[in-house]
Amino acid sequence: MYREAVSIKGTKSGLVILLDSNHEFETIKHHLQHKIESANGFFCGAKVVFHTGSQQLVPQQQHELESICKQYGLVPSTSHLTPETETLFSPPRKEKTASAPGEPALLLKQTLRSGRSVSRPGHIIVLGNVHPGAKVEAGGNIIIMGNCLGTVHAGAHGNRNAIITALHMAPQVLSIAGITHIGTLAHKKAHGPGKAMIKNEKIVFTQNK
């Protein structure tokens, strides 16, 4: 099964950058720079730690990757993986569904333009577009009855069953329960309604028929 050379996951203490050692190191460097650059400053100031599985980076490789991160304002950390970050590599636990009856939802009958930020502990429904530069963060699901072109984070308090849906899915940055995906590459072929969810510790996109 194909695995990305670089995946970025968010935790309460910062970012974990997962590196697949089956790829050439030059490929890993290229993908790392592209993902951080595509985030348009979203990760600036975040602490980062690299995870390579059983194969360790040599000091020169570590230095080169840290230099790339520093170029974009990220802060390399020498800390080891904490119990919190270790859970990223363990099978997910069963959690309550994100759509349990009685959960609060915020209904926004407007388009969110660049610079606008909305955050709520429950679900958020947007009857309009989310433009590039706008941000929506919800503890539950995010439903966008328009174009999703900005930054969206569902399940912000750790709900891995949360989903994000939109009539057109092409976000700058998309996160669910701290697992982050840079949207530009994943949605070049996206047309029409789409949905994002977590499956096997990754963000998965499906297209609604």
N, C-alpha and C. Protein backbone atom coordinates (compact mmCIF):
# COMPACT_ATOMS: atom_id res chain seq x y z
N MET A 1 0.84 -1.19 0.00
CA MET A 1 0.00 0.00 0.00
C MET A 1 0.88 1.25 0.00
N TYR A 2 0.55 2.21 -0.85
CA TYR A 2 1.35 3.44 -0.94
C TYR A 2 1.14 4.29 0.31
N ARG A 3 2.24 4.80 0.83
CA ARG A 3 2.18 5.72 1.97
C ARG A 3 2.87 7.01 1.59
N GLU A 4 2.31 8.12 2.07
CA GLU A 4 2.90 9.43 1.79
C GLU A 4 4.30 9.51 2.39
N ALA A 5 5.18 10.22 1.70
CA ALA A 5 6.54 10.41 2.21
C ALA A 5 6.52 11.20 3.51
N VAL A 6 5.59 12.16 3.60
CA VAL A 6 5.49 13.02 4.78
C VAL A 6 4.02 13.22 5.16
N SER A 7 3.70 13.01 6.43
CA SER A 7 2.37 13.31 6.96
C SER A 7 2.55 14.18 8.20
N ILE A 8 1.67 15.14 8.37
CA ILE A 8 1.75 16.05 9.52
C ILE A 8 0.51 15.86 10.39
N LYS A 9 0.73 15.58 11.67
CA LYS A 9 -0.37 15.41 12.61
C LYS A 9 -0.21 16.37 13.78
N GLY A 10 -1.32 16.94 14.20
CA GLY A 10 -1.29 17.89 15.29
C GLY A 10 -1.59 17.24 16.63
N THR A 11 -0.95 17.70 17.69
CA THR A 11 -1.23 17.28 19.06
C THR A 11 -1.33 18.53 19.93
N LYS A 12 -1.71 18.35 21.18
CA LYS A 12 -1.81 19.49 22.09
C LYS A 12 -0.46 20.16 22.32
N SER A 13 0.62 19.38 22.19
CA SER A 13 1.94 19.93 22.47
C SER A 13 2.68 20.38 21.21
N GLY A 14 2.07 20.22 20.04
CA GLY A 14 2.72 20.65 18.81
C GLY A 14 2.41 19.73 17.65
N LEU A 15 3.35 19.63 16.72
CA LEU A 15 3.16 18.82 15.52
C LEU A 15 4.09 17.61 15.54
N VAL A 16 3.58 16.49 15.03
CA VAL A 16 4.41 15.31 14.78
C VAL A 16 4.49 15.14 13.27
N ILE A 17 5.71 15.15 12.74
CA ILE A 17 5.91 14.97 11.30
C ILE A 17 6.35 13.53 11.07
N LEU A 18 5.47 12.76 10.43
CA LEU A 18 5.73 11.35 10.16
C LEU A 18 6.48 11.21 8.85
N LEU A 19 7.60 10.54 8.87
CA LEU A 19 8.43 10.36 7.68
C LEU A 19 8.46 8.88 7.31
N ASP A 20 8.13 8.57 6.06
CA ASP A 20 8.18 7.18 5.59
C ASP A 20 9.57 6.91 5.02
N SER A 21 10.35 6.10 5.72
CA SER A 21 11.73 5.84 5.33
C SER A 21 11.85 5.00 4.07
N ASN A 22 10.72 4.52 3.53
CA ASN A 22 10.77 3.79 2.26
C ASN A 22 11.01 4.73 1.08
N HIS A 23 10.82 6.03 1.30
CA HIS A 23 11.07 7.02 0.25
C HIS A 23 12.50 7.53 0.34
N GLU A 24 13.02 7.99 -0.79
CA GLU A 24 14.35 8.61 -0.80
C GLU A 24 14.33 9.87 0.06
N PHE A 25 15.47 10.17 0.68
CA PHE A 25 15.54 11.33 1.57
C PHE A 25 15.26 12.63 0.83
N GLU A 26 15.73 12.75 -0.42
CA GLU A 26 15.47 13.96 -1.20
C GLU A 26 13.97 14.13 -1.45
N THR A 27 13.28 13.00 -1.66
CA THR A 27 11.82 13.04 -1.84
C THR A 27 11.14 13.51 -0.56
N ILE A 28 11.61 13.01 0.57
CA ILE A 28 11.05 13.41 1.86
C ILE A 28 11.24 14.92 2.08
N LYS A 29 12.43 15.43 1.78
CA LYS A 29 12.68 16.87 1.94
C LYS A 29 11.75 17.69 1.05
N HIS A 30 11.59 17.26 -0.19
CA HIS A 30 10.73 18.00 -1.14
C HIS A 30 9.28 18.02 -0.64
N HIS A 31 8.78 16.87 -0.19
CA HIS A 31 7.40 16.80 0.28
C HIS A 31 7.20 17.61 1.56
N LEU A 32 8.19 17.58 2.44
CA LEU A 32 8.08 18.36 3.68
C LEU A 32 7.98 19.84 3.37
N GLN A 33 8.85 20.34 2.51
CA GLN A 33 8.84 21.76 2.17
C GLN A 33 7.52 22.14 1.50
N HIS A 34 7.04 21.28 0.60
CA HIS A 34 5.79 21.59 -0.11
C HIS A 34 4.60 21.65 0.85
N LYS A 35 4.52 20.69 1.78
CA LYS A 35 3.39 20.67 2.71
C LYS A 35 3.39 21.90 3.63
N ILE A 36 4.56 22.25 4.15
CA ILE A 36 4.62 23.41 5.04
C ILE A 36 4.32 24.69 4.26
N GLU A 37 4.87 24.79 3.07
CA GLU A 37 4.65 25.98 2.23
C GLU A 37 3.19 26.12 1.86
N SER A 38 2.53 24.99 1.57
CA SER A 38 1.12 25.02 1.16
C SER A 38 0.20 25.43 2.29
N ALA A 39 0.68 25.33 3.54
CA ALA A 39 -0.16 25.69 4.69
C ALA A 39 -0.28 27.19 4.87
N ASN A 40 0.48 27.97 4.09
CA ASN A 40 0.37 29.44 4.13
C ASN A 40 0.51 30.02 5.54
N GLY A 41 1.52 29.54 6.28
CA GLY A 41 1.78 30.09 7.61
C GLY A 41 0.96 29.50 8.73
N PHE A 42 0.10 28.51 8.43
CA PHE A 42 -0.78 27.93 9.45
C PHE A 42 0.02 27.29 10.59
N PHE A 43 1.19 26.71 10.26
CA PHE A 43 1.98 26.01 11.27
C PHE A 43 3.02 26.90 11.95
N CYS A 44 3.10 28.16 11.57
CA CYS A 44 4.14 29.06 12.09
C CYS A 44 4.11 29.13 13.62
N GLY A 45 5.26 28.93 14.25
CA GLY A 45 5.36 28.99 15.70
C GLY A 45 5.13 27.67 16.41
N ALA A 46 4.70 26.65 15.67
CA ALA A 46 4.41 25.35 16.28
C ALA A 46 5.71 24.57 16.55
N LYS A 47 5.73 23.86 17.67
CA LYS A 47 6.85 22.96 17.95
C LYS A 47 6.67 21.68 17.13
N VAL A 48 7.77 21.14 16.61
CA VAL A 48 7.68 19.93 15.78
C VAL A 48 8.67 18.88 16.26
N VAL A 49 8.25 17.63 16.14
CA VAL A 49 9.13 16.50 16.40
C VAL A 49 8.97 15.53 15.23
N PHE A 50 10.06 14.91 14.79
CA PHE A 50 10.02 13.97 13.66
C PHE A 50 9.86 12.54 14.17
N HIS A 51 9.09 11.75 13.44
CA HIS A 51 8.92 10.34 13.76
C HIS A 51 9.19 9.52 12.50
N THR A 52 10.15 8.60 12.58
CA THR A 52 10.54 7.80 11.41
C THR A 52 10.31 6.31 11.62
N GLY A 53 9.61 5.95 12.69
CA GLY A 53 9.41 4.53 12.95
C GLY A 53 10.69 3.91 13.51
N SER A 54 11.03 2.72 13.02
CA SER A 54 12.19 1.99 13.55
C SER A 54 13.51 2.53 13.02
N GLN A 55 13.48 3.23 11.89
CA GLN A 55 14.72 3.74 11.30
C GLN A 55 14.96 5.18 11.72
N GLN A 56 16.11 5.43 12.34
CA GLN A 56 16.43 6.76 12.85
C GLN A 56 17.11 7.62 11.78
N LEU A 57 16.93 8.93 11.90
CA LEU A 57 17.62 9.86 11.02
C LEU A 57 19.07 10.01 11.47
N VAL A 58 19.98 10.16 10.51
CA VAL A 58 21.36 10.49 10.87
C VAL A 58 21.39 11.99 11.18
N PRO A 59 22.38 12.46 11.94
CA PRO A 59 22.41 13.87 12.35
C PRO A 59 22.31 14.85 11.18
N GLN A 60 22.96 14.56 10.05
CA GLN A 60 22.91 15.47 8.91
C GLN A 60 21.49 15.58 8.35
N GLN A 61 20.79 14.45 8.26
CA GLN A 61 19.41 14.45 7.78
C GLN A 61 18.52 15.23 8.74
N GLN A 62 18.70 15.01 10.03
CA GLN A 62 17.92 15.74 11.04
C GLN A 62 18.13 17.24 10.89
N HIS A 63 19.39 17.64 10.69
CA HIS A 63 19.72 19.05 10.55
C HIS A 63 19.04 19.66 9.32
N GLU A 64 19.05 18.93 8.19
CA GLU A 64 18.45 19.45 6.96
C GLU A 64 16.94 19.62 7.11
N LEU A 65 16.29 18.65 7.75
CA LEU A 65 14.84 18.75 7.93
C LEU A 65 14.49 19.88 8.90
N GLU A 66 15.28 20.02 9.95
CA GLU A 66 15.03 21.11 10.90
C GLU A 66 15.23 22.47 10.24
N SER A 67 16.19 22.57 9.34
CA SER A 67 16.43 23.83 8.63
C SER A 67 15.24 24.22 7.77
N ILE A 68 14.62 23.22 7.12
CA ILE A 68 13.41 23.49 6.32
C ILE A 68 12.30 24.02 7.22
N CYS A 69 12.11 23.38 8.37
CA CYS A 69 11.06 23.81 9.30
C CYS A 69 11.30 25.24 9.78
N LYS A 70 12.55 25.55 10.12
CA LYS A 70 12.88 26.88 10.63
C LYS A 70 12.63 27.98 9.60
N GLN A 71 12.80 27.64 8.31
CA GLN A 71 12.55 28.62 7.25
C GLN A 71 11.12 29.15 7.30
N TYR A 72 10.19 28.30 7.78
CA TYR A 72 8.77 28.67 7.78
C TYR A 72 8.26 28.95 9.19
N GLY A 73 9.18 29.20 10.13
CA GLY A 73 8.77 29.61 11.47
C GLY A 73 8.42 28.51 12.42
N LEU A 74 8.65 27.24 12.05
CA LEU A 74 8.39 26.14 12.96
C LEU A 74 9.57 25.98 13.92
N VAL A 75 9.32 25.38 15.07
CA VAL A 75 10.34 25.27 16.12
C VAL A 75 10.66 23.79 16.36
N PRO A 76 11.77 23.29 15.83
CA PRO A 76 12.14 21.88 16.07
C PRO A 76 12.33 21.61 17.55
N SER A 77 11.83 20.47 18.02
CA SER A 77 11.92 20.10 19.42
C SER A 77 12.78 18.85 19.57
N THR A 78 13.56 18.80 20.62
CA THR A 78 14.40 17.62 20.88
C THR A 78 13.67 16.62 21.77
N SER A 79 12.43 16.94 22.14
CA SER A 79 11.67 16.06 23.03
C SER A 79 11.35 14.75 22.33
N HIS A 80 11.25 13.68 23.13
CA HIS A 80 10.82 12.39 22.61
C HIS A 80 9.30 12.39 22.53
N LEU A 81 8.75 11.40 21.84
CA LEU A 81 7.30 11.28 21.74
C LEU A 81 6.71 11.05 23.13
N THR A 82 5.66 11.80 23.44
CA THR A 82 4.97 11.67 24.72
C THR A 82 3.89 10.60 24.60
N PRO A 83 3.29 10.15 25.73
CA PRO A 83 2.18 9.20 25.63
C PRO A 83 1.07 9.71 24.72
N GLU A 84 0.87 11.04 24.73
CA GLU A 84 -0.17 11.63 23.86
C GLU A 84 0.15 11.40 22.39
N THR A 85 1.42 11.66 22.00
CA THR A 85 1.78 11.50 20.60
C THR A 85 1.94 10.04 20.23
N GLU A 86 2.28 9.19 21.19
CA GLU A 86 2.39 7.76 20.90
C GLU A 86 1.05 7.19 20.46
N THR A 87 -0.06 7.76 20.97
CA THR A 87 -1.38 7.24 20.60
C THR A 87 -1.68 7.45 19.13
N LEU A 88 -0.93 8.33 18.46
CA LEU A 88 -1.14 8.53 17.03
C LEU A 88 -0.82 7.28 16.24
N PHE A 89 0.01 6.39 16.81
CA PHE A 89 0.45 5.20 16.10
C PHE A 89 -0.20 3.93 16.66
N SER A 90 -1.20 4.11 17.53
CA SER A 90 -1.94 2.99 18.09
C SER A 90 -3.31 2.92 17.46
N PRO A 91 -3.97 1.75 17.46
CA PRO A 91 -5.33 1.64 16.91
C PRO A 91 -6.27 2.58 17.64
N PRO A 92 -7.16 3.28 16.92
CA PRO A 92 -8.07 4.23 17.55
C PRO A 92 -9.06 3.56 18.47
N ARG A 93 -9.39 4.22 19.58
CA ARG A 93 -10.39 3.70 20.49
C ARG A 93 -11.78 4.06 20.00
N LYS A 94 -12.75 3.25 20.42
CA LYS A 94 -14.12 3.52 20.02
C LYS A 94 -14.62 4.73 20.79
N GLU A 95 -15.25 5.65 20.08
CA GLU A 95 -15.77 6.85 20.72
C GLU A 95 -17.24 7.01 20.37
N LYS A 96 -17.91 7.87 21.11
CA LYS A 96 -19.31 8.11 20.80
C LYS A 96 -19.42 8.80 19.44
N THR A 97 -20.53 8.62 18.78
CA THR A 97 -20.71 9.20 17.46
C THR A 97 -20.79 10.71 17.56
N ALA A 98 -20.42 11.37 16.46
CA ALA A 98 -20.37 12.83 16.46
C ALA A 98 -21.75 13.46 16.33
N SER A 99 -22.75 12.65 15.97
CA SER A 99 -24.06 13.21 15.68
C SER A 99 -25.10 12.80 16.72
N ALA A 100 -24.66 12.66 17.98
CA ALA A 100 -25.59 12.29 19.03
C ALA A 100 -26.67 13.36 19.19
N PRO A 101 -27.93 12.93 19.47
CA PRO A 101 -29.02 13.90 19.60
C PRO A 101 -28.74 14.90 20.70
N GLY A 102 -29.17 16.13 20.49
CA GLY A 102 -29.06 17.15 21.51
C GLY A 102 -27.78 17.95 21.49
N GLU A 103 -26.83 17.60 20.63
CA GLU A 103 -25.59 18.37 20.58
C GLU A 103 -25.86 19.72 19.93
N PRO A 104 -25.26 20.80 20.48
CA PRO A 104 -25.51 22.14 19.94
C PRO A 104 -24.90 22.34 18.56
N ALA A 105 -25.53 23.19 17.77
CA ALA A 105 -25.01 23.51 16.43
C ALA A 105 -25.17 25.00 16.18
N LEU A 106 -24.16 25.60 15.56
CA LEU A 106 -24.22 27.01 15.18
C LEU A 106 -24.55 27.09 13.70
N LEU A 107 -25.58 27.85 13.35
CA LEU A 107 -25.97 28.03 11.95
C LEU A 107 -25.54 29.42 11.49
N LEU A 108 -24.67 29.47 10.50
CA LEU A 108 -24.20 30.75 9.95
C LEU A 108 -24.78 30.93 8.55
N LYS A 109 -25.65 31.93 8.39
CA LYS A 109 -26.26 32.19 7.09
C LYS A 109 -25.46 33.28 6.37
N GLN A 110 -24.20 32.97 6.10
CA GLN A 110 -23.33 33.97 5.47
C GLN A 110 -22.09 33.30 4.90
N THR A 111 -21.40 34.03 4.04
CA THR A 111 -20.11 33.59 3.52
C THR A 111 -19.01 34.13 4.43
N LEU A 112 -18.03 33.29 4.72
CA LEU A 112 -16.90 33.69 5.56
C LEU A 112 -15.73 34.08 4.67
N ARG A 113 -15.34 35.34 4.73
CA ARG A 113 -14.27 35.85 3.88
C ARG A 113 -12.93 35.83 4.61
N SER A 114 -11.86 36.13 3.87
CA SER A 114 -10.50 36.08 4.42
C SER A 114 -10.38 36.91 5.70
N GLY A 115 -9.77 36.33 6.72
CA GLY A 115 -9.59 37.01 7.99
C GLY A 115 -10.66 36.69 9.02
N ARG A 116 -11.77 36.10 8.58
CA ARG A 116 -12.86 35.75 9.50
C ARG A 116 -12.56 34.41 10.16
N SER A 117 -12.79 34.31 11.46
CA SER A 117 -12.55 33.08 12.20
C SER A 117 -13.75 32.77 13.08
N VAL A 118 -14.24 31.53 13.03
CA VAL A 118 -15.39 31.11 13.83
C VAL A 118 -15.01 29.83 14.58
N SER A 119 -15.28 29.79 15.88
CA SER A 119 -14.96 28.61 16.69
C SER A 119 -16.10 28.33 17.66
N ARG A 120 -16.57 27.07 17.71
CA ARG A 120 -17.64 26.67 18.61
C ARG A 120 -17.37 25.24 19.12
N PRO A 121 -17.84 24.91 20.33
CA PRO A 121 -17.62 23.56 20.87
C PRO A 121 -18.48 22.49 20.21
N GLY A 122 -19.60 22.89 19.58
CA GLY A 122 -20.48 21.91 18.95
C GLY A 122 -20.28 21.85 17.45
N HIS A 123 -21.36 21.55 16.70
CA HIS A 123 -21.31 21.50 15.25
C HIS A 123 -21.42 22.92 14.67
N ILE A 124 -20.92 23.10 13.46
CA ILE A 124 -21.07 24.37 12.75
C ILE A 124 -21.60 24.10 11.35
N ILE A 125 -22.67 24.81 10.99
CA ILE A 125 -23.25 24.71 9.65
C ILE A 125 -23.13 26.07 8.99
N VAL A 126 -22.51 26.12 7.83
CA VAL A 126 -22.30 27.38 7.11
C VAL A 126 -23.14 27.37 5.84
N LEU A 127 -24.10 28.29 5.75
CA LEU A 127 -24.92 28.42 4.54
C LEU A 127 -24.25 29.47 3.64
N GLY A 128 -23.13 29.09 3.07
CA GLY A 128 -22.34 29.99 2.24
C GLY A 128 -20.98 29.39 1.99
N ASN A 129 -20.06 30.20 1.51
CA ASN A 129 -18.71 29.73 1.21
C ASN A 129 -17.75 30.06 2.35
N VAL A 130 -16.69 29.26 2.45
CA VAL A 130 -15.58 29.57 3.35
C VAL A 130 -14.39 29.90 2.46
N HIS A 131 -14.07 31.19 2.36
CA HIS A 131 -13.05 31.66 1.43
C HIS A 131 -11.64 31.35 1.93
N PRO A 132 -10.64 31.37 1.04
CA PRO A 132 -9.24 31.25 1.47
C PRO A 132 -8.91 32.33 2.49
N GLY A 133 -8.24 31.94 3.57
CA GLY A 133 -7.92 32.90 4.63
C GLY A 133 -8.92 32.92 5.76
N ALA A 134 -10.09 32.30 5.57
CA ALA A 134 -11.08 32.18 6.64
C ALA A 134 -10.85 30.87 7.38
N LYS A 135 -11.28 30.82 8.65
CA LYS A 135 -11.06 29.63 9.48
C LYS A 135 -12.32 29.25 10.22
N VAL A 136 -12.65 27.94 10.21
CA VAL A 136 -13.79 27.41 10.95
C VAL A 136 -13.29 26.27 11.83
N GLU A 137 -13.58 26.34 13.12
CA GLU A 137 -13.15 25.29 14.06
C GLU A 137 -14.34 24.86 14.89
N ALA A 138 -14.61 23.55 14.92
CA ALA A 138 -15.77 23.02 15.64
C ALA A 138 -15.36 21.81 16.48
N GLY A 139 -16.01 21.67 17.64
CA GLY A 139 -15.79 20.47 18.43
C GLY A 139 -16.46 19.26 17.81
N GLY A 140 -17.49 19.49 16.99
CA GLY A 140 -18.19 18.42 16.30
C GLY A 140 -17.97 18.46 14.81
N ASN A 141 -19.06 18.31 14.04
CA ASN A 141 -18.97 18.30 12.58
C ASN A 141 -18.96 19.71 12.01
N ILE A 142 -18.47 19.82 10.78
CA ILE A 142 -18.57 21.07 10.01
C ILE A 142 -19.28 20.75 8.70
N ILE A 143 -20.38 21.44 8.46
CA ILE A 143 -21.15 21.26 7.22
C ILE A 143 -21.19 22.59 6.49
N ILE A 144 -20.66 22.61 5.28
CA ILE A 144 -20.58 23.84 4.50
C ILE A 144 -21.45 23.71 3.26
N MET A 145 -22.51 24.49 3.19
CA MET A 145 -23.41 24.47 2.03
C MET A 145 -22.89 25.45 0.99
N GLY A 146 -21.67 25.20 0.55
CA GLY A 146 -20.99 26.06 -0.41
C GLY A 146 -19.59 25.53 -0.63
N ASN A 147 -18.67 26.41 -1.02
CA ASN A 147 -17.29 26.02 -1.30
C ASN A 147 -16.45 26.07 -0.03
N CYS A 148 -15.70 25.01 0.22
CA CYS A 148 -14.77 24.96 1.34
C CYS A 148 -13.37 25.24 0.80
N LEU A 149 -12.90 26.49 0.95
CA LEU A 149 -11.63 26.91 0.36
C LEU A 149 -10.63 27.42 1.40
N GLY A 150 -11.04 27.50 2.66
CA GLY A 150 -10.17 28.05 3.70
C GLY A 150 -9.58 26.97 4.59
N THR A 151 -9.52 27.28 5.90
CA THR A 151 -8.98 26.36 6.91
C THR A 151 -10.12 25.86 7.78
N VAL A 152 -10.27 24.53 7.90
CA VAL A 152 -11.37 23.95 8.66
C VAL A 152 -10.82 22.88 9.61
N HIS A 153 -11.33 22.87 10.84
CA HIS A 153 -10.90 21.90 11.85
C HIS A 153 -12.13 21.39 12.59
N ALA A 154 -12.52 20.15 12.33
CA ALA A 154 -13.64 19.51 13.02
C ALA A 154 -13.09 18.60 14.12
N GLY A 155 -13.95 18.25 15.08
CA GLY A 155 -13.51 17.38 16.18
C GLY A 155 -12.34 17.98 16.93
N ALA A 156 -12.38 19.29 17.13
CA ALA A 156 -11.22 20.02 17.67
C ALA A 156 -10.84 19.58 19.08
N HIS A 157 -11.76 18.94 19.81
CA HIS A 157 -11.47 18.50 21.17
C HIS A 157 -11.18 17.00 21.23
N GLY A 158 -10.88 16.41 20.07
CA GLY A 158 -10.47 15.00 20.05
C GLY A 158 -11.49 14.02 19.52
N ASN A 159 -12.64 14.49 19.01
CA ASN A 159 -13.66 13.58 18.48
C ASN A 159 -13.26 13.08 17.10
N ARG A 160 -12.77 11.84 17.02
CA ARG A 160 -12.29 11.30 15.75
C ARG A 160 -13.42 10.82 14.83
N ASN A 161 -14.66 10.85 15.32
CA ASN A 161 -15.79 10.50 14.47
C ASN A 161 -16.38 11.73 13.77
N ALA A 162 -15.82 12.89 14.04
CA ALA A 162 -16.31 14.11 13.39
C ALA A 162 -16.04 14.06 11.89
N ILE A 163 -16.88 14.76 11.13
CA ILE A 163 -16.73 14.81 9.67
C ILE A 163 -16.80 16.25 9.19
N ILE A 164 -16.34 16.46 7.97
CA ILE A 164 -16.45 17.75 7.30
C ILE A 164 -17.06 17.50 5.93
N THR A 165 -18.14 18.21 5.60
CA THR A 165 -18.75 18.07 4.29
C THR A 165 -18.88 19.45 3.65
N ALA A 166 -18.85 19.47 2.32
CA ALA A 166 -18.99 20.73 1.58
C ALA A 166 -19.50 20.42 0.18
N LEU A 167 -20.13 21.42 -0.43
CA LEU A 167 -20.59 21.25 -1.81
C LEU A 167 -19.41 21.21 -2.78
N HIS A 168 -18.30 21.84 -2.38
CA HIS A 168 -17.05 21.72 -3.15
C HIS A 168 -15.90 21.73 -2.14
N MET A 169 -15.15 20.64 -2.09
CA MET A 169 -14.13 20.46 -1.07
C MET A 169 -12.75 20.75 -1.63
N ALA A 170 -12.19 21.92 -1.32
CA ALA A 170 -10.84 22.29 -1.76
C ALA A 170 -10.19 23.20 -0.73
N PRO A 171 -10.06 22.74 0.53
CA PRO A 171 -9.54 23.60 1.60
C PRO A 171 -8.05 23.85 1.50
N GLN A 172 -7.61 24.95 2.09
CA GLN A 172 -6.17 25.19 2.23
C GLN A 172 -5.57 24.22 3.24
N VAL A 173 -6.22 24.12 4.40
CA VAL A 173 -5.79 23.20 5.45
C VAL A 173 -7.04 22.58 6.07
N LEU A 174 -7.03 21.25 6.23
CA LEU A 174 -8.17 20.55 6.81
C LEU A 174 -7.67 19.67 7.95
N SER A 175 -8.33 19.75 9.11
CA SER A 175 -7.95 18.94 10.27
C SER A 175 -9.18 18.31 10.88
N ILE A 176 -9.01 17.09 11.38
CA ILE A 176 -10.04 16.42 12.17
C ILE A 176 -9.36 15.82 13.39
N ALA A 177 -9.79 16.24 14.58
CA ALA A 177 -9.24 15.75 15.84
C ALA A 177 -7.72 15.86 15.87
N GLY A 178 -7.19 16.94 15.32
CA GLY A 178 -5.76 17.18 15.36
C GLY A 178 -4.96 16.54 14.25
N ILE A 179 -5.58 15.68 13.45
CA ILE A 179 -4.89 15.10 12.30
C ILE A 179 -5.06 16.07 11.13
N THR A 180 -3.95 16.55 10.62
CA THR A 180 -3.98 17.65 9.65
C THR A 180 -3.58 17.18 8.27
N HIS A 181 -4.28 17.71 7.27
CA HIS A 181 -3.97 17.41 5.87
C HIS A 181 -3.96 18.72 5.08
N ILE A 182 -2.91 18.89 4.29
CA ILE A 182 -2.85 20.05 3.41
C ILE A 182 -3.70 19.74 2.19
N GLY A 183 -4.70 20.58 1.93
CA GLY A 183 -5.73 20.22 0.96
C GLY A 183 -5.38 20.33 -0.50
N THR A 184 -4.36 21.10 -0.88
CA THR A 184 -4.17 21.42 -2.29
C THR A 184 -3.95 20.20 -3.16
N LEU A 185 -3.12 19.26 -2.71
CA LEU A 185 -2.82 18.10 -3.54
C LEU A 185 -3.97 17.12 -3.58
N ALA A 186 -4.69 16.99 -2.47
CA ALA A 186 -5.71 15.95 -2.36
C ALA A 186 -6.95 16.25 -3.17
N HIS A 187 -7.16 17.50 -3.58
CA HIS A 187 -8.45 17.85 -4.15
C HIS A 187 -8.38 18.39 -5.58
N LYS A 188 -7.29 18.12 -6.26
CA LYS A 188 -7.18 18.60 -7.63
C LYS A 188 -8.30 18.01 -8.50
N LYS A 189 -8.72 16.78 -8.18
CA LYS A 189 -9.74 16.11 -8.98
C LYS A 189 -11.12 16.20 -8.34
N ALA A 190 -11.24 16.99 -7.27
CA ALA A 190 -12.52 17.06 -6.57
C ALA A 190 -13.52 17.91 -7.34
N HIS A 191 -14.68 17.34 -7.59
CA HIS A 191 -15.77 18.07 -8.23
C HIS A 191 -17.06 17.69 -7.52
N GLY A 192 -17.87 18.67 -7.17
CA GLY A 192 -19.13 18.38 -6.52
C GLY A 192 -18.97 18.13 -5.03
N PRO A 193 -20.07 17.70 -4.38
CA PRO A 193 -20.07 17.53 -2.93
C PRO A 193 -19.05 16.49 -2.47
N GLY A 194 -18.42 16.75 -1.32
CA GLY A 194 -17.44 15.81 -0.79
C GLY A 194 -17.48 15.76 0.72
N LYS A 195 -16.87 14.72 1.27
CA LYS A 195 -16.84 14.53 2.72
C LYS A 195 -15.44 14.10 3.15
N ALA A 196 -14.99 14.59 4.30
CA ALA A 196 -13.70 14.21 4.87
C ALA A 196 -13.93 13.57 6.23
N MET A 197 -13.19 12.50 6.52
CA MET A 197 -13.30 11.80 7.80
C MET A 197 -11.96 11.14 8.12
N ILE A 198 -11.84 10.58 9.31
CA ILE A 198 -10.64 9.85 9.69
C ILE A 198 -10.85 8.36 9.45
N LYS A 199 -9.87 7.75 8.79
CA LYS A 199 -9.88 6.30 8.59
C LYS A 199 -8.44 5.82 8.62
N ASN A 200 -8.17 4.84 9.46
CA ASN A 200 -6.81 4.29 9.59
C ASN A 200 -5.78 5.38 9.88
N GLU A 201 -6.14 6.28 10.80
CA GLU A 201 -5.23 7.33 11.25
C GLU A 201 -4.89 8.37 10.18
N LYS A 202 -5.68 8.42 9.11
CA LYS A 202 -5.45 9.41 8.06
C LYS A 202 -6.76 10.09 7.70
N ILE A 203 -6.64 11.28 7.12
CA ILE A 203 -7.81 11.96 6.57
C ILE A 203 -8.15 11.31 5.24
N VAL A 204 -9.41 10.89 5.09
CA VAL A 204 -9.88 10.26 3.86
C VAL A 204 -10.98 11.13 3.27
N PHE A 205 -10.94 11.31 1.95
CA PHE A 205 -11.94 12.12 1.26
C PHE A 205 -12.80 11.23 0.37
N THR A 206 -14.12 11.42 0.45
CA THR A 206 -15.03 10.70 -0.43
C THR A 206 -15.90 11.71 -1.16
N GLN A 207 -16.31 11.34 -2.36
CA GLN A 207 -17.15 12.23 -3.16
C GLN A 207 -18.57 11.74 -3.14
N ASN A 208 -19.49 12.60 -2.77
CA ASN A 208 -20.91 12.24 -2.74
C ASN A 208 -21.46 12.19 -4.15
N LYS A 209 -22.25 11.19 -4.41
CA LYS A 209 -22.86 11.04 -5.74
C LYS A 209 -24.13 11.88 -5.84
